[in-house]
Amino acid sequence: MNSLRYDMLILTTSDDGKPDGEVELAFSVDGIALPRVGDDLYFTADDGLVVEVTKVEHWFSPNAPDVTQHRSITVVANAHWSSRELVQKLKDPAALKLWLAGFPWLRER
């Protein structure tokens, strides 16, 4: 089965649950489909991460030094309130690396 790689950016939210635009977590996904704005993505493990997609960006860079960087897709999402504690924990690079290791289709950026 072919996969589609995209970068996942999860933005911070304020105490009232509104996004403030700062990237809190970032990782790459080898997915089977590209999510759409409004989709909920569930990364279930011991601690589940739930995010809502807010933007999908397509980047085209013909002058990039590496052919793999000529085009890319970035999915921007906000974490669900129930995932805030996990997101805070995953800000630690070692914790994020360990968490990503539980998902064969997720990678560090």
PDB file of N, CA and C in Angstrom:
ATOM      1  N   MET A   1       0.838  -1.168   0.000  1.00  0.00           N
ATOM      2  CA  MET A   1       0.000   0.000   0.000  1.00  0.00           C
ATOM      3  C   MET A   1       0.891   1.242   0.000  1.00  0.00           C
ATOM      4  N   ASN A   2       0.585   2.183  -0.858  1.00  0.00           N
ATOM      5  CA  ASN A   2       1.337   3.434  -0.918  1.00  0.00           C
ATOM      6  C   ASN A   2       0.941   4.337   0.242  1.00  0.00           C
ATOM      7  N   SER A   3       1.906   5.116   0.692  1.00  0.00           N
ATOM      8  CA  SER A   3       1.592   6.058   1.758  1.00  0.00           C
ATOM      9  C   SER A   3       1.879   7.473   1.281  1.00  0.00           C
ATOM     10  N   LEU A   4       1.298   8.422   1.961  1.00  0.00           N
ATOM     11  CA  LEU A   4       1.443   9.831   1.660  1.00  0.00           C
ATOM     12  C   LEU A   4       2.061  10.487   2.888  1.00  0.00           C
ATOM     13  N   ARG A   5       3.253  11.052   2.744  1.00  0.00           N
ATOM     14  CA  ARG A   5       3.925  11.674   3.888  1.00  0.00           C
ATOM     15  C   ARG A   5       3.542  13.141   3.991  1.00  0.00           C
ATOM     16  N   TYR A   6       3.204  13.547   5.211  1.00  0.00           N
ATOM     17  CA  TYR A   6       2.960  14.959   5.482  1.00  0.00           C
ATOM     18  C   TYR A   6       3.490  15.299   6.868  1.00  0.00           C
ATOM     19  N   ASP A   7       3.772  16.585   7.052  1.00  0.00           N
ATOM     20  CA  ASP A   7       4.212  17.075   8.351  1.00  0.00           C
ATOM     21  C   ASP A   7       2.997  17.493   9.150  1.00  0.00           C
ATOM     22  N   MET A   8       2.960  17.105  10.415  1.00  0.00           N
ATOM     23  CA  MET A   8       1.867  17.460  11.321  1.00  0.00           C
ATOM     24  C   MET A   8       2.377  18.519  12.290  1.00  0.00           C
ATOM     25  N   LEU A   9       1.720  19.668  12.331  1.00  0.00           N
ATOM     26  CA  LEU A   9       2.032  20.723  13.281  1.00  0.00           C
ATOM     27  C   LEU A   9       0.838  20.896  14.210  1.00  0.00           C
ATOM     28  N   ILE A  10       1.075  20.772  15.499  1.00  0.00           N
ATOM     29  CA  ILE A  10       0.011  20.934  16.481  1.00  0.00           C
ATOM     30  C   ILE A  10       0.270  22.244  17.215  1.00  0.00           C
ATOM     31  N   LEU A  11      -0.713  23.138  17.150  1.00  0.00           N
ATOM     32  CA  LEU A  11      -0.565  24.473  17.719  1.00  0.00           C
ATOM     33  C   LEU A  11      -0.968  24.509  19.185  1.00  0.00           C
ATOM     34  N   THR A  12      -0.404  25.479  19.888  1.00  0.00           N
ATOM     35  CA  THR A  12      -0.768  25.677  21.292  1.00  0.00           C
ATOM     36  C   THR A  12      -2.154  26.299  21.373  1.00  0.00           C
ATOM     37  N   THR A  13      -2.786  26.109  22.501  1.00  0.00           N
ATOM     38  CA  THR A  13      -4.066  26.746  22.766  1.00  0.00           C
ATOM     39  C   THR A  13      -3.979  27.443  24.114  1.00  0.00           C
ATOM     40  N   SER A  14      -4.721  28.523  24.237  1.00  0.00           N
ATOM     41  CA  SER A  14      -4.760  29.252  25.499  1.00  0.00           C
ATOM     42  C   SER A  14      -5.671  28.522  26.474  1.00  0.00           C
ATOM     43  N   ASP A  15      -5.760  29.043  27.680  1.00  0.00           N
ATOM     44  CA  ASP A  15      -6.592  28.396  28.705  1.00  0.00           C
ATOM     45  C   ASP A  15      -8.057  28.330  28.316  1.00  0.00           C
ATOM     46  N   ASP A  16      -8.500  29.244  27.452  1.00  0.00           N
ATOM     47  CA  ASP A  16      -9.899  29.208  27.019  1.00  0.00           C
ATOM     48  C   ASP A  16     -10.112  28.310  25.803  1.00  0.00           C
ATOM     49  N   GLY A  17      -9.030  27.591  25.388  1.00  0.00           N
ATOM     50  CA  GLY A  17      -9.152  26.626  24.306  1.00  0.00           C
ATOM     51  C   GLY A  17      -8.953  27.184  22.920  1.00  0.00           C
ATOM     52  N   LYS A  18      -8.644  28.482  22.804  1.00  0.00           N
ATOM     53  CA  LYS A  18      -8.446  29.097  21.493  1.00  0.00           C
ATOM     54  C   LYS A  18      -6.983  28.962  21.074  1.00  0.00           C
ATOM     55  N   PRO A  19      -6.738  28.651  19.800  1.00  0.00           N
ATOM     56  CA  PRO A  19      -5.354  28.516  19.334  1.00  0.00           C
ATOM     57  C   PRO A  19      -4.640  29.861  19.372  1.00  0.00           C
ATOM     58  N   ASP A  20      -3.341  29.825  19.722  1.00  0.00           N
ATOM     59  CA  ASP A  20      -2.581  31.078  19.732  1.00  0.00           C
ATOM     60  C   ASP A  20      -1.512  31.111  18.644  1.00  0.00           C
ATOM     61  N   GLY A  21      -1.442  30.070  17.824  1.00  0.00           N
ATOM     62  CA  GLY A  21      -0.581  30.106  16.654  1.00  0.00           C
ATOM     63  C   GLY A  21       0.836  29.595  16.829  1.00  0.00           C
ATOM     64  N   GLU A  22       1.249  29.292  18.035  1.00  0.00           N
ATOM     65  CA  GLU A  22       2.590  28.767  18.268  1.00  0.00           C
ATOM     66  C   GLU A  22       2.592  27.251  18.072  1.00  0.00           C
ATOM     67  N   VAL A  23       3.633  26.732  17.401  1.00  0.00           N
ATOM     68  CA  VAL A  23       3.743  25.283  17.189  1.00  0.00           C
ATOM     69  C   VAL A  23       4.194  24.624  18.486  1.00  0.00           C
ATOM     70  N   GLU A  24       3.421  23.670  18.953  1.00  0.00           N
ATOM     71  CA  GLU A  24       3.731  22.967  20.189  1.00  0.00           C
ATOM     72  C   GLU A  24       4.405  21.626  19.914  1.00  0.00           C
ATOM     73  N   LEU A  25       3.905  20.911  18.924  1.00  0.00           N
ATOM     74  CA  LEU A  25       4.469  19.618  18.536  1.00  0.00           C
ATOM     75  C   LEU A  25       4.584  19.564  17.026  1.00  0.00           C
ATOM     76  N   ALA A  26       5.595  18.846  16.547  1.00  0.00           N
ATOM     77  CA  ALA A  26       5.767  18.661  15.111  1.00  0.00           C
ATOM     78  C   ALA A  26       6.345  17.281  14.863  1.00  0.00           C
ATOM     79  N   PHE A  27       5.748  16.549  13.919  1.00  0.00           N
ATOM     80  CA  PHE A  27       6.257  15.246  13.515  1.00  0.00           C
ATOM     81  C   PHE A  27       5.745  14.939  12.117  1.00  0.00           C
ATOM     82  N   SER A  28       6.304  13.918  11.495  1.00  0.00           N
ATOM     83  CA  SER A  28       5.890  13.511  10.155  1.00  0.00           C
ATOM     84  C   SER A  28       4.998  12.285  10.240  1.00  0.00           C
ATOM     85  N   VAL A  29       4.053  12.203   9.314  1.00  0.00           N
ATOM     86  CA  VAL A  29       3.092  11.101   9.262  1.00  0.00           C
ATOM     87  C   VAL A  29       3.179  10.442   7.892  1.00  0.00           C
ATOM     88  N   ASP A  30       3.265   9.123   7.867  1.00  0.00           N
ATOM     89  CA  ASP A  30       3.105   8.352   6.636  1.00  0.00           C
ATOM     90  C   ASP A  30       1.680   7.831   6.652  1.00  0.00           C
ATOM     91  N   GLY A  31       0.767   8.597   6.057  1.00  0.00           N
ATOM     92  CA  GLY A  31      -0.652   8.265   6.105  1.00  0.00           C
ATOM     93  C   GLY A  31      -1.124   7.579   4.842  1.00  0.00           C
ATOM     94  N   ILE A  32      -2.352   7.068   4.898  1.00  0.00           N
ATOM     95  CA  ILE A  32      -2.944   6.439   3.723  1.00  0.00           C
ATOM     96  C   ILE A  32      -3.835   7.420   2.965  1.00  0.00           C
ATOM     97  N   ALA A  33      -4.128   8.561   3.592  1.00  0.00           N
ATOM     98  CA  ALA A  33      -4.922   9.605   2.947  1.00  0.00           C
ATOM     99  C   ALA A  33      -4.563  10.934   3.593  1.00  0.00           C
ATOM    100  N   LEU A  34      -4.818  12.005   2.886  1.00  0.00           N
ATOM    101  CA  LEU A  34      -4.569  13.333   3.410  1.00  0.00           C
ATOM    102  C   LEU A  34      -5.804  13.806   4.173  1.00  0.00           C
ATOM    103  N   PRO A  35      -5.637  14.219   5.427  1.00  0.00           N
ATOM    104  CA  PRO A  35      -6.801  14.706   6.169  1.00  0.00           C
ATOM    105  C   PRO A  35      -7.312  16.025   5.603  1.00  0.00           C
ATOM    106  N   ARG A  36      -8.564  16.321   5.883  1.00  0.00           N
ATOM    107  CA  ARG A  36      -9.198  17.559   5.434  1.00  0.00           C
ATOM    108  C   ARG A  36      -9.453  18.467   6.633  1.00  0.00           C
ATOM    109  N   VAL A  37      -9.614  19.736   6.362  1.00  0.00           N
ATOM    110  CA  VAL A  37      -9.959  20.689   7.413  1.00  0.00           C
ATOM    111  C   VAL A  37     -11.247  20.223   8.085  1.00  0.00           C
ATOM    112  N   GLY A  38     -11.229  20.201   9.413  1.00  0.00           N
ATOM    113  CA  GLY A  38     -12.385  19.751  10.183  1.00  0.00           C
ATOM    114  C   GLY A  38     -12.299  18.302  10.623  1.00  0.00           C
ATOM    115  N   ASP A  39     -11.409  17.523  10.002  1.00  0.00           N
ATOM    116  CA  ASP A  39     -11.253  16.120  10.410  1.00  0.00           C
ATOM    117  C   ASP A  39     -10.653  16.038  11.810  1.00  0.00           C
ATOM    118  N   ASP A  40     -11.091  15.057  12.579  1.00  0.00           N
ATOM    119  CA  ASP A  40     -10.471  14.715  13.855  1.00  0.00           C
ATOM    120  C   ASP A  40      -9.529  13.554  13.615  1.00  0.00           C
ATOM    121  N   LEU A  41      -8.307  13.662  14.121  1.00  0.00           N
ATOM    122  CA  LEU A  41      -7.321  12.592  14.008  1.00  0.00           C
ATOM    123  C   LEU A  41      -7.076  12.038  15.400  1.00  0.00           C
ATOM    124  N   TYR A  42      -7.111  10.719  15.519  1.00  0.00           N
ATOM    125  CA  TYR A  42      -6.943  10.046  16.798  1.00  0.00           C
ATOM    126  C   TYR A  42      -5.678   9.200  16.751  1.00  0.00           C
ATOM    127  N   PHE A  43      -4.710   9.556  17.573  1.00  0.00           N
ATOM    128  CA  PHE A  43      -3.488   8.780  17.722  1.00  0.00           C
ATOM    129  C   PHE A  43      -3.631   8.049  19.051  1.00  0.00           C
ATOM    130  N   THR A  44      -4.100   6.804  18.995  1.00  0.00           N
ATOM    131  CA  THR A  44      -4.392   6.089  20.231  1.00  0.00           C
ATOM    132  C   THR A  44      -3.235   5.207  20.627  1.00  0.00           C
ATOM    133  N   ALA A  45      -2.874   5.302  21.870  1.00  0.00           N
ATOM    134  CA  ALA A  45      -1.825   4.500  22.497  1.00  0.00           C
ATOM    135  C   ALA A  45      -2.172   4.506  23.976  1.00  0.00           C
ATOM    136  N   ASP A  46      -1.174   4.357  24.832  1.00  0.00           N
ATOM    137  CA  ASP A  46      -1.453   4.430  26.264  1.00  0.00           C
ATOM    138  C   ASP A  46      -2.115   5.761  26.600  1.00  0.00           C
ATOM    139  N   ASP A  47      -1.553   6.827  26.050  1.00  0.00           N
ATOM    140  CA  ASP A  47      -2.136   8.167  26.166  1.00  0.00           C
ATOM    141  C   ASP A  47      -2.578   8.567  24.776  1.00  0.00           C
ATOM    142  N   GLY A  48      -3.854   8.832  24.590  1.00  0.00           N
ATOM    143  CA  GLY A  48      -4.355   9.180  23.271  1.00  0.00           C
ATOM    144  C   GLY A  48      -4.213  10.654  22.973  1.00  0.00           C
ATOM    145  N   LEU A  49      -3.841  10.953  21.734  1.00  0.00           N
ATOM    146  CA  LEU A  49      -3.755  12.328  21.262  1.00  0.00           C
ATOM    147  C   LEU A  49      -4.864  12.526  20.243  1.00  0.00           C
ATOM    148  N   VAL A  50      -5.718  13.525  20.477  1.00  0.00           N
ATOM    149  CA  VAL A  50      -6.813  13.840  19.570  1.00  0.00           C
ATOM    150  C   VAL A  50      -6.599  15.267  19.089  1.00  0.00           C
ATOM    151  N   VAL A  51      -6.614  15.451  17.759  1.00  0.00           N
ATOM    152  CA  VAL A  51      -6.436  16.789  17.181  1.00  0.00           C
ATOM    153  C   VAL A  51      -7.500  17.033  16.127  1.00  0.00           C
ATOM    154  N   GLU A  52      -7.805  18.323  15.906  1.00  0.00           N
ATOM    155  CA  GLU A  52      -8.717  18.719  14.836  1.00  0.00           C
ATOM    156  C   GLU A  52      -7.919  19.491  13.796  1.00  0.00           C
ATOM    157  N   VAL A  53      -7.999  19.065  12.552  1.00  0.00           N
ATOM    158  CA  VAL A  53      -7.273  19.704  11.455  1.00  0.00           C
ATOM    159  C   VAL A  53      -7.894  21.071  11.169  1.00  0.00           C
ATOM    160  N   THR A  54      -7.035  22.105  11.140  1.00  0.00           N
ATOM    161  CA  THR A  54      -7.506  23.471  10.872  1.00  0.00           C
ATOM    162  C   THR A  54      -7.016  24.021   9.540  1.00  0.00           C
ATOM    163  N   LYS A  55      -5.943  23.426   9.002  1.00  0.00           N
ATOM    164  CA  LYS A  55      -5.401  23.926   7.738  1.00  0.00           C
ATOM    165  C   LYS A  55      -4.565  22.825   7.093  1.00  0.00           C
ATOM    166  N   VAL A  56      -4.596  22.776   5.762  1.00  0.00           N
ATOM    167  CA  VAL A  56      -3.721  21.884   4.992  1.00  0.00           C
ATOM    168  C   VAL A  56      -2.984  22.769   3.992  1.00  0.00           C
ATOM    169  N   GLU A  57      -1.644  22.749   4.072  1.00  0.00           N
ATOM    170  CA  GLU A  57      -0.815  23.583   3.203  1.00  0.00           C
ATOM    171  C   GLU A  57      -0.033  22.703   2.237  1.00  0.00           C
ATOM    172  N   HIS A  58       0.026  23.114   0.980  1.00  0.00           N
ATOM    173  CA  HIS A  58       0.816  22.433  -0.042  1.00  0.00           C
ATOM    174  C   HIS A  58       1.946  23.374  -0.440  1.00  0.00           C
ATOM    175  N   TRP A  59       3.187  22.910  -0.294  1.00  0.00           N
ATOM    176  CA  TRP A  59       4.358  23.732  -0.584  1.00  0.00           C
ATOM    177  C   TRP A  59       5.078  23.193  -1.814  1.00  0.00           C
ATOM    178  N   PHE A  60       5.458  24.093  -2.717  1.00  0.00           N
ATOM    179  CA  PHE A  60       6.190  23.738  -3.920  1.00  0.00           C
ATOM    180  C   PHE A  60       7.451  24.593  -3.977  1.00  0.00           C
ATOM    181  N   SER A  61       8.611  23.946  -3.963  1.00  0.00           N
ATOM    182  CA  SER A  61       9.897  24.655  -3.908  1.00  0.00           C
ATOM    183  C   SER A  61      10.858  24.070  -4.942  1.00  0.00           C
ATOM    184  N   PRO A  62      10.797  24.510  -6.205  1.00  0.00           N
ATOM    185  CA  PRO A  62      11.637  23.917  -7.246  1.00  0.00           C
ATOM    186  C   PRO A  62      13.128  24.135  -7.030  1.00  0.00           C
ATOM    187  N   ASN A  63      13.506  25.125  -6.242  1.00  0.00           N
ATOM    188  CA  ASN A  63      14.924  25.414  -6.016  1.00  0.00           C
ATOM    189  C   ASN A  63      15.470  24.793  -4.740  1.00  0.00           C
ATOM    190  N   ALA A  64      14.709  23.934  -4.099  1.00  0.00           N
ATOM    191  CA  ALA A  64      15.193  23.287  -2.878  1.00  0.00           C
ATOM    192  C   ALA A  64      16.417  22.435  -3.202  1.00  0.00           C
ATOM    193  N   PRO A  65      17.412  22.407  -2.307  1.00  0.00           N
ATOM    194  CA  PRO A  65      18.652  21.684  -2.585  1.00  0.00           C
ATOM    195  C   PRO A  65      18.480  20.164  -2.687  1.00  0.00           C
ATOM    196  N   ASP A  66      17.467  19.629  -2.047  1.00  0.00           N
ATOM    197  CA  ASP A  66      17.239  18.179  -2.036  1.00  0.00           C
ATOM    198  C   ASP A  66      15.940  17.900  -2.795  1.00  0.00           C
ATOM    199  N   VAL A  67      15.978  16.963  -3.737  1.00  0.00           N
ATOM    200  CA  VAL A  67      14.803  16.656  -4.563  1.00  0.00           C
ATOM    201  C   VAL A  67      13.595  16.253  -3.710  1.00  0.00           C
ATOM    202  N   THR A  68      13.826  15.678  -2.525  1.00  0.00           N
ATOM    203  CA  THR A  68      12.712  15.270  -1.664  1.00  0.00           C
ATOM    204  C   THR A  68      12.020  16.479  -1.039  1.00  0.00           C
ATOM    205  N   GLN A  69      12.608  17.661  -1.151  1.00  0.00           N
ATOM    206  CA  GLN A  69      12.023  18.874  -0.574  1.00  0.00           C
ATOM    207  C   GLN A  69      11.331  19.747  -1.620  1.00  0.00           C
ATOM    208  N   HIS A  70      11.236  19.282  -2.862  1.00  0.00           N
ATOM    209  CA  HIS A  70      10.625  20.095  -3.913  1.00  0.00           C
ATOM    210  C   HIS A  70       9.147  20.339  -3.668  1.00  0.00           C
ATOM    211  N   ARG A  71       8.496  19.436  -2.998  1.00  0.00           N
ATOM    212  CA  ARG A  71       7.092  19.624  -2.645  1.00  0.00           C
ATOM    213  C   ARG A  71       6.834  18.944  -1.312  1.00  0.00           C
ATOM    214  N   SER A  72       5.972  19.551  -0.546  1.00  0.00           N
ATOM    215  CA  SER A  72       5.647  18.992   0.761  1.00  0.00           C
ATOM    216  C   SER A  72       4.235  19.405   1.155  1.00  0.00           C
ATOM    217  N   ILE A  73       3.704  18.701   2.113  1.00  0.00           N
ATOM    218  CA  ILE A  73       2.367  18.966   2.629  1.00  0.00           C
ATOM    219  C   ILE A  73       2.486  19.140   4.135  1.00  0.00           C
ATOM    220  N   THR A  74       1.847  20.178   4.644  1.00  0.00           N
ATOM    221  CA  THR A  74       1.821  20.425   6.077  1.00  0.00           C
ATOM    222  C   THR A  74       0.372  20.449   6.537  1.00  0.00           C
ATOM    223  N   VAL A  75       0.076  19.663   7.552  1.00  0.00           N
ATOM    224  CA  VAL A  75      -1.253  19.631   8.160  1.00  0.00           C
ATOM    225  C   VAL A  75      -1.141  20.322   9.513  1.00  0.00           C
ATOM    226  N   VAL A  76      -1.957  21.342   9.711  1.00  0.00           N
ATOM    227  CA  VAL A  76      -1.955  22.107  10.955  1.00  0.00           C
ATOM    228  C   VAL A  76      -3.199  21.716  11.746  1.00  0.00           C
ATOM    229  N   ALA A  77      -3.029  21.509  13.051  1.00  0.00           N
ATOM    230  CA  ALA A  77      -4.147  21.050  13.877  1.00  0.00           C
ATOM    231  C   ALA A  77      -4.069  21.654  15.271  1.00  0.00           C
ATOM    232  N   ASN A  78      -5.210  21.644  15.934  1.00  0.00           N
ATOM    233  CA  ASN A  78      -5.289  22.028  17.341  1.00  0.00           C
ATOM    234  C   ASN A  78      -5.573  20.770  18.159  1.00  0.00           C
ATOM    235  N   ALA A  79      -4.901  20.654  19.293  1.00  0.00           N
ATOM    236  CA  ALA A  79      -5.137  19.513  20.177  1.00  0.00           C
ATOM    237  C   ALA A  79      -6.484  19.672  20.880  1.00  0.00           C
ATOM    238  N   HIS A  80      -7.194  18.567  21.022  1.00  0.00           N
ATOM    239  CA  HIS A  80      -8.444  18.542  21.782  1.00  0.00           C
ATOM    240  C   HIS A  80      -8.114  18.804  23.248  1.00  0.00           C
ATOM    241  N   TRP A  81      -9.043  19.420  23.959  1.00  0.00           N
ATOM    242  CA  TRP A  81      -8.787  19.756  25.375  1.00  0.00           C
ATOM    243  C   TRP A  81      -8.383  18.533  26.189  1.00  0.00           C
ATOM    244  N   SER A  82      -8.900  17.362  25.832  1.00  0.00           N
ATOM    245  CA  SER A  82      -8.589  16.139  26.590  1.00  0.00           C
ATOM    246  C   SER A  82      -7.146  15.687  26.387  1.00  0.00           C
ATOM    247  N   SER A  83      -6.466  16.259  25.387  1.00  0.00           N
ATOM    248  CA  SER A  83      -5.081  15.874  25.083  1.00  0.00           C
ATOM    249  C   SER A  83      -4.059  16.888  25.599  1.00  0.00           C
ATOM    250  N   ARG A  84      -4.500  17.929  26.253  1.00  0.00           N
ATOM    251  CA  ARG A  84      -3.586  19.011  26.668  1.00  0.00           C
ATOM    252  C   ARG A  84      -2.463  18.510  27.574  1.00  0.00           C
ATOM    253  N   GLU A  85      -2.788  17.628  28.500  1.00  0.00           N
ATOM    254  CA  GLU A  85      -1.758  17.112  29.416  1.00  0.00           C
ATOM    255  C   GLU A  85      -0.699  16.324  28.640  1.00  0.00           C
ATOM    256  N   LEU A  86      -1.135  15.486  27.695  1.00  0.00           N
ATOM    257  CA  LEU A  86      -0.188  14.710  26.887  1.00  0.00           C
ATOM    258  C   LEU A  86       0.667  15.642  26.028  1.00  0.00           C
ATOM    259  N   VAL A  87       0.070  16.661  25.441  1.00  0.00           N
ATOM    260  CA  VAL A  87       0.825  17.595  24.609  1.00  0.00           C
ATOM    261  C   VAL A  87       1.927  18.265  25.432  1.00  0.00           C
ATOM    262  N   GLN A  88       1.597  18.658  26.637  1.00  0.00           N
ATOM    263  CA  GLN A  88       2.612  19.261  27.513  1.00  0.00           C
ATOM    264  C   GLN A  88       3.755  18.284  27.772  1.00  0.00           C
ATOM    265  N   LYS A  89       3.407  17.021  28.017  1.00  0.00           N
ATOM    266  CA  LYS A  89       4.417  15.978  28.261  1.00  0.00           C
ATOM    267  C   LYS A  89       5.304  15.775  27.029  1.00  0.00           C
ATOM    268  N   LEU A  90       4.692  15.809  25.827  1.00  0.00           N
ATOM    269  CA  LEU A  90       5.423  15.526  24.593  1.00  0.00           C
ATOM    270  C   LEU A  90       6.279  16.699  24.111  1.00  0.00           C
ATOM    271  N   LYS A  91       6.219  17.824  24.797  1.00  0.00           N
ATOM    272  CA  LYS A  91       7.122  18.937  24.477  1.00  0.00           C
ATOM    273  C   LYS A  91       8.567  18.564  24.780  1.00  0.00           C
ATOM    274  N   ASP A  92       8.753  17.610  25.676  1.00  0.00           N
ATOM    275  CA  ASP A  92      10.091  17.099  25.970  1.00  0.00           C
ATOM    276  C   ASP A  92      10.514  16.224  24.795  1.00  0.00           C
ATOM    277  N   PRO A  93      11.606  16.559  24.095  1.00  0.00           N
ATOM    278  CA  PRO A  93      12.023  15.796  22.909  1.00  0.00           C
ATOM    279  C   PRO A  93      12.201  14.297  23.174  1.00  0.00           C
ATOM    280  N   ALA A  94      12.694  13.933  24.339  1.00  0.00           N
ATOM    281  CA  ALA A  94      12.870  12.504  24.652  1.00  0.00           C
ATOM    282  C   ALA A  94      11.518  11.811  24.786  1.00  0.00           C
ATOM    283  N   ALA A  95      10.554  12.479  25.408  1.00  0.00           N
ATOM    284  CA  ALA A  95       9.211  11.896  25.556  1.00  0.00           C
ATOM    285  C   ALA A  95       8.531  11.778  24.194  1.00  0.00           C
ATOM    286  N   LEU A  96       8.704  12.793  23.329  1.00  0.00           N
ATOM    287  CA  LEU A  96       8.117  12.737  21.989  1.00  0.00           C
ATOM    288  C   LEU A  96       8.714  11.588  21.195  1.00  0.00           C
ATOM    289  N   LYS A  97      10.023  11.444  21.260  1.00  0.00           N
ATOM    290  CA  LYS A  97      10.693  10.359  20.527  1.00  0.00           C
ATOM    291  C   LYS A  97      10.169   8.992  20.977  1.00  0.00           C
ATOM    292  N   LEU A  98      10.010   8.809  22.272  1.00  0.00           N
ATOM    293  CA  LEU A  98       9.501   7.551  22.816  1.00  0.00           C
ATOM    294  C   LEU A  98       8.057   7.319  22.373  1.00  0.00           C
ATOM    295  N   TRP A  99       7.233   8.363  22.411  1.00  0.00           N
ATOM    296  CA  TRP A  99       5.834   8.250  22.012  1.00  0.00           C
ATOM    297  C   TRP A  99       5.723   7.918  20.526  1.00  0.00           C
ATOM    298  N   LEU A 100       6.516   8.598  19.686  1.00  0.00           N
ATOM    299  CA  LEU A 100       6.489   8.337  18.242  1.00  0.00           C
ATOM    300  C   LEU A 100       6.896   6.908  17.921  1.00  0.00           C
ATOM    301  N   ALA A 101       7.793   6.338  18.712  1.00  0.00           N
ATOM    302  CA  ALA A 101       8.269   4.970  18.473  1.00  0.00           C
ATOM    303  C   ALA A 101       7.142   3.942  18.566  1.00  0.00           C
ATOM    304  N   GLY A 102       6.050   4.284  19.236  1.00  0.00           N
ATOM    305  CA  GLY A 102       4.903   3.376  19.338  1.00  0.00           C
ATOM    306  C   GLY A 102       4.049   3.325  18.084  1.00  0.00           C
ATOM    307  N   PHE A 103       4.327   4.193  17.134  1.00  0.00           N
ATOM    308  CA  PHE A 103       3.568   4.276  15.886  1.00  0.00           C
ATOM    309  C   PHE A 103       4.534   4.123  14.714  1.00  0.00           C
ATOM    310  N   PRO A 104       4.558   3.005  14.033  1.00  0.00           N
ATOM    311  CA  PRO A 104       5.507   2.798  12.932  1.00  0.00           C
ATOM    312  C   PRO A 104       5.371   3.798  11.792  1.00  0.00           C
ATOM    313  N   TRP A 105       4.246   4.486  11.687  1.00  0.00           N
ATOM    314  CA  TRP A 105       4.012   5.409  10.580  1.00  0.00           C
ATOM    315  C   TRP A 105       4.231   6.865  10.979  1.00  0.00           C
ATOM    316  N   LEU A 106       4.716   7.111  12.201  1.00  0.00           N
ATOM    317  CA  LEU A 106       5.060   8.468  12.632  1.00  0.00           C
ATOM    318  C   LEU A 106       6.560   8.588  12.762  1.00  0.00           C
ATOM    319  N   ARG A 107       7.091   9.771  12.421  1.00  0.00           N
ATOM    320  CA  ARG A 107       8.529   9.993  12.455  1.00  0.00           C
ATOM    321  C   ARG A 107       8.835  11.382  12.997  1.00  0.00           C
ATOM    322  N   GLU A 108      10.058  11.517  13.514  1.00  0.00           N
ATOM    323  CA  GLU A 108      10.529  12.833  13.924  1.00  0.00           C
ATOM    324  C   GLU A 108      10.721  13.686  12.686  1.00  0.00           C
ATOM    325  N   ARG A 109      10.504  14.968  12.831  1.00  0.00           N
ATOM    326  CA  ARG A 109      10.739  15.912  11.727  1.00  0.00           C
ATOM    327  C   ARG A 109      12.158  16.360  11.707  1.00  0.00           C
TER     328      ARG A 109
END
